[in-house]
Amino acid sequence: MIDVRRAAERYPGGDPAAGIETRHAFSFGPHYDPGNVRFGPLIACNEERLAPGAGFGEHPHSHTEIVTWVIEGELTHRDSAGHERTVRPGDVQHLSAAAGVRHVERNDARGPLVFLQMWLAPREPGGEPSYDIVPGIADATPYAVPAAGALLHVRRLGAGERTAVPDAPYLYVHVVRGGVRLDGVELGAGDAARITGARDLAAVAVAPAELLVWEMSG
């Protein structure tokens, strides 16, 4: 079963006056839809746009696996466990909030910043916070989030190229840029497909494309 969610259907959020514009794929804050709370362990997929100098001051998280993918610009990350990094396009950043952590996210560069932040619910609460970053992850290297029973696959395709997508109980395909055709459905930038019981599926690029694919056991 494929459930397509278009970019224009996302809930608007953020604080435009402060240079923060957000689009939420799932129920978030005041935008509550009981039928759109989560998909497998995935509970948020937020597209954030930060103007130069804008950002999120120190704030807490707990019992959440937070994975960040920068689309454009540079993201400054600092957390209460002592990690400070600049995250760039092609890097996978993973903050495991566990029993509790605080962090800051800012655009300290001169240009605009666009990033996706995805939250997954861990199978077991608690534990010690941890931080990981993989600079310039390769397409052939899935990134594992074992606490949530999930794998992140990055796919970069030229026009006309085809890639198989994993078989999985839950599969979430997000088009970062470009366009693809998936099981006869065309998806553009910002669109996503939520697939249950995925088997023998492939994506074909109708234009040069970048995809994030979550393979989740549920």
Protein backbone atom coordinates (compact mmCIF):
# COMPACT_ATOMS: atom_id res chain seq x y z
CA MET A 1 0.00 0.00 0.00
CA ILE A 2 1.39 3.42 -1.03
CA ASP A 3 0.20 6.60 0.66
CA VAL A 4 1.53 9.69 -1.18
CA ARG A 5 1.86 12.97 0.71
CA ARG A 6 2.62 16.07 -1.37
CA ALA A 7 4.96 18.87 -0.33
CA ALA A 8 2.09 21.38 -0.42
CA GLU A 9 0.12 19.32 2.12
CA ARG A 10 2.68 19.77 4.90
CA TYR A 11 1.68 21.78 7.97
CA PRO A 12 3.31 25.25 8.09
CA GLY A 13 5.19 26.22 11.22
CA GLY A 14 8.24 27.97 12.58
CA ASP A 15 8.56 31.70 13.18
CA PRO A 16 8.87 33.57 9.85
CA ALA A 17 9.49 36.88 11.64
CA ALA A 18 12.58 35.30 13.23
CA GLY A 19 13.80 33.85 9.92
CA ILE A 20 12.50 30.31 10.59
CA GLU A 21 10.11 28.59 8.19
CA THR A 22 9.08 24.98 8.81
CA ARG A 23 6.97 22.43 6.98
CA HIS A 24 5.84 19.40 9.01
CA ALA A 25 4.99 16.05 7.42
CA PHE A 26 3.42 14.69 10.63
CA SER A 27 1.28 16.11 13.44
CA PHE A 28 3.41 18.66 15.24
CA GLY A 29 2.65 21.27 17.89
CA PRO A 30 -0.72 22.95 17.22
CA HIS A 31 -1.20 20.96 13.98
CA TYR A 32 -2.71 17.79 15.39
CA ASP A 33 -4.22 15.07 13.21
CA PRO A 34 -4.80 11.78 15.05
CA GLY A 35 -4.48 9.94 11.73
CA ASN A 36 -1.05 11.43 11.03
CA VAL A 37 0.93 10.95 14.24
CA ARG A 38 3.56 8.50 13.01
CA PHE A 39 4.52 5.96 10.36
CA GLY A 40 6.29 2.98 11.87
CA PRO A 41 8.88 4.51 14.23
CA LEU A 42 9.03 7.78 12.21
CA ILE A 43 7.27 10.55 14.15
CA ALA A 44 8.54 13.71 12.42
CA CYS A 45 9.99 14.81 9.11
CA ASN A 46 10.45 18.57 9.27
CA GLU A 47 11.82 20.74 6.49
CA GLU A 48 13.51 23.73 8.12
CA ARG A 49 14.56 26.95 6.39
CA LEU A 50 16.74 29.29 8.43
CA ALA A 51 17.82 32.75 7.32
CA PRO A 52 21.42 33.79 8.07
CA GLY A 53 21.76 34.32 11.83
CA ALA A 54 18.50 32.50 12.63
CA GLY A 55 18.21 29.34 14.67
CA PHE A 56 16.77 27.39 17.55
CA GLY A 57 18.11 28.31 20.98
CA GLU A 58 19.02 25.64 23.49
CA HIS A 59 16.09 23.27 23.93
CA PRO A 60 15.60 19.76 25.33
CA HIS A 61 14.85 16.39 23.73
CA SER A 62 14.38 12.95 25.25
CA HIS A 63 13.54 9.44 24.04
CA THR A 64 14.02 10.44 20.40
CA GLU A 65 16.46 9.47 17.65
CA ILE A 66 17.10 12.69 15.66
CA VAL A 67 18.61 12.42 12.17
CA THR A 68 19.48 15.56 10.20
CA TRP A 69 20.17 15.96 6.47
CA VAL A 70 21.33 19.34 5.13
CA ILE A 71 20.01 20.24 1.69
CA GLU A 72 21.62 23.68 1.30
CA GLY A 73 23.98 25.72 3.47
CA GLU A 74 25.67 24.84 6.76
CA LEU A 75 24.10 23.90 10.09
CA THR A 76 25.84 24.64 13.38
CA HIS A 77 25.07 22.05 16.06
CA ARG A 78 25.99 22.26 19.75
CA ASP A 79 24.70 20.01 22.52
CA SER A 80 24.92 19.59 26.28
CA ALA A 81 27.11 16.49 25.87
CA GLY A 82 29.90 18.70 24.49
CA HIS A 83 29.54 18.06 20.76
CA GLU A 84 29.93 20.98 18.36
CA ARG A 85 29.91 20.43 14.60
CA THR A 86 29.15 22.11 11.31
CA VAL A 87 26.90 19.86 9.24
CA ARG A 88 27.02 20.22 5.46
CA PRO A 89 25.16 18.73 2.48
CA GLY A 90 25.89 15.01 2.19
CA ASP A 91 26.55 14.55 5.91
CA VAL A 92 24.29 12.38 8.09
CA GLN A 93 24.01 13.67 11.67
CA HIS A 94 22.43 11.51 14.38
CA LEU A 95 21.68 12.69 17.91
CA SER A 96 20.28 10.02 20.22
CA ALA A 97 18.49 12.02 22.91
CA ALA A 98 17.99 8.96 25.16
CA ALA A 99 17.13 10.00 28.75
CA GLY A 100 17.69 13.67 27.91
CA VAL A 101 19.92 16.12 26.06
CA ARG A 102 19.82 19.81 25.15
CA HIS A 103 21.05 21.28 21.88
CA VAL A 104 21.31 24.41 19.77
CA GLU A 105 20.82 24.55 15.98
CA ARG A 106 21.76 27.70 14.07
CA ASN A 107 22.60 29.13 10.69
CA ASP A 108 25.87 30.93 11.40
CA ALA A 109 26.75 31.21 7.70
CA ARG A 110 26.06 34.08 5.32
CA GLY A 111 23.72 32.16 3.03
CA PRO A 112 20.37 30.43 3.53
CA LEU A 113 20.12 27.07 5.27
CA VAL A 114 17.67 24.30 4.35
CA PHE A 115 17.65 20.97 6.15
CA LEU A 116 15.46 17.98 6.88
CA GLN A 117 15.16 16.73 10.41
CA MET A 118 13.65 13.33 11.03
CA TRP A 119 12.66 11.99 14.45
CA LEU A 120 12.23 8.31 15.24
CA ALA A 121 10.83 6.73 18.38
CA PRO A 122 13.24 4.28 20.05
CA ARG A 123 12.06 0.80 20.96
CA GLU A 124 13.20 1.28 24.56
CA PRO A 125 13.30 4.59 26.46
CA GLY A 126 16.21 5.87 28.54
CA GLY A 127 19.93 5.32 28.21
CA GLU A 128 22.82 7.72 27.68
CA PRO A 129 22.70 10.35 24.92
CA SER A 130 25.07 9.81 21.98
CA TYR A 131 26.15 11.72 18.88
CA ASP A 132 27.39 10.56 15.48
CA ILE A 133 28.12 12.19 12.14
CA VAL A 134 29.08 10.58 8.83
CA PRO A 135 30.61 13.18 6.48
CA GLY A 136 29.74 12.72 2.82
CA ILE A 137 27.91 9.43 3.14
CA ALA A 138 28.01 7.24 0.03
CA ASP A 139 24.91 5.94 -1.73
CA ALA A 140 25.96 2.35 -1.11
CA THR A 141 26.32 2.83 2.66
CA PRO A 142 23.05 2.67 4.60
CA TYR A 143 23.04 4.41 7.97
CA ALA A 144 21.67 2.31 10.81
CA VAL A 145 19.58 3.61 13.69
CA PRO A 146 19.30 0.32 15.61
CA ALA A 147 17.52 1.85 18.59
CA ALA A 148 14.53 2.48 16.30
CA GLY A 149 14.92 -0.59 14.07
CA ALA A 150 15.62 1.60 11.04
CA LEU A 151 18.08 2.07 8.18
CA LEU A 152 18.50 5.27 6.15
CA HIS A 153 19.42 4.87 2.47
CA VAL A 154 20.59 7.80 0.32
CA ARG A 155 19.99 7.55 -3.41
CA ARG A 156 21.32 10.02 -5.98
CA LEU A 157 20.08 9.36 -9.52
CA GLY A 158 20.70 10.81 -12.95
CA ALA A 159 17.73 11.32 -15.26
CA GLY A 160 16.45 7.92 -16.38
CA GLU A 161 18.40 5.97 -13.77
CA ARG A 162 16.62 3.31 -11.76
CA THR A 163 17.19 2.08 -8.21
CA ALA A 164 15.56 -0.72 -6.27
CA VAL A 165 14.08 0.26 -2.93
CA PRO A 166 14.28 -2.16 0.00
CA ASP A 167 11.58 -4.63 0.92
CA ALA A 168 10.35 -3.63 4.37
CA PRO A 169 7.30 -3.63 6.64
CA TYR A 170 7.48 0.18 6.59
CA LEU A 171 9.22 2.22 3.90
CA TYR A 172 9.31 6.03 3.79
CA VAL A 173 10.61 7.63 0.57
CA HIS A 174 11.26 11.38 0.63
CA VAL A 175 12.30 13.25 -2.53
CA VAL A 176 14.88 15.85 -1.54
CA ARG A 177 15.32 17.26 -5.05
CA GLY A 178 14.37 16.34 -8.62
CA GLY A 179 11.64 13.85 -9.42
CA VAL A 180 11.05 10.10 -9.55
CA ARG A 181 8.38 7.63 -10.60
CA LEU A 182 7.62 5.02 -7.95
CA ASP A 183 5.17 2.22 -8.71
CA GLY A 184 3.54 4.37 -11.38
CA VAL A 185 3.27 7.46 -9.16
CA GLU A 186 5.35 10.57 -9.91
CA LEU A 187 6.92 12.33 -6.93
CA GLY A 188 8.54 15.76 -6.99
CA ALA A 189 10.77 17.65 -4.58
CA GLY A 190 9.31 17.61 -1.07
CA ASP A 191 6.87 14.79 -1.84
CA ALA A 192 6.95 11.57 0.17
CA ALA A 193 5.54 8.06 -0.10
CA ARG A 194 4.63 5.93 2.91
CA ILE A 195 4.64 2.28 1.89
CA THR A 196 3.51 -0.65 4.01
CA GLY A 197 4.63 -4.15 3.06
CA ALA A 198 7.01 -2.90 0.35
CA ARG A 199 8.13 -5.63 -2.05
CA ASP A 200 9.95 -5.54 -5.41
CA LEU A 201 9.63 -1.79 -5.90
CA ALA A 202 11.93 0.51 -7.85
CA ALA A 203 12.24 4.26 -8.33
CA VAL A 204 13.08 5.76 -11.73
CA ALA A 205 14.36 9.33 -11.95
CA VAL A 206 12.37 11.57 -14.29
CA ALA A 207 14.95 14.29 -13.57
CA PRO A 208 18.25 14.22 -11.63
CA ALA A 209 17.10 13.28 -8.14
CA GLU A 210 18.16 12.81 -4.54
CA LEU A 211 16.11 10.52 -2.31
CA LEU A 212 16.11 9.62 1.37
CA VAL A 213 14.66 6.16 1.98
CA TRP A 214 13.83 4.90 5.47
CA GLU A 215 13.67 1.12 5.79
CA MET A 216 11.87 0.34 9.04
CA SER A 217 10.86 -2.87 10.76
CA GLY A 218 8.12 -1.20 12.78
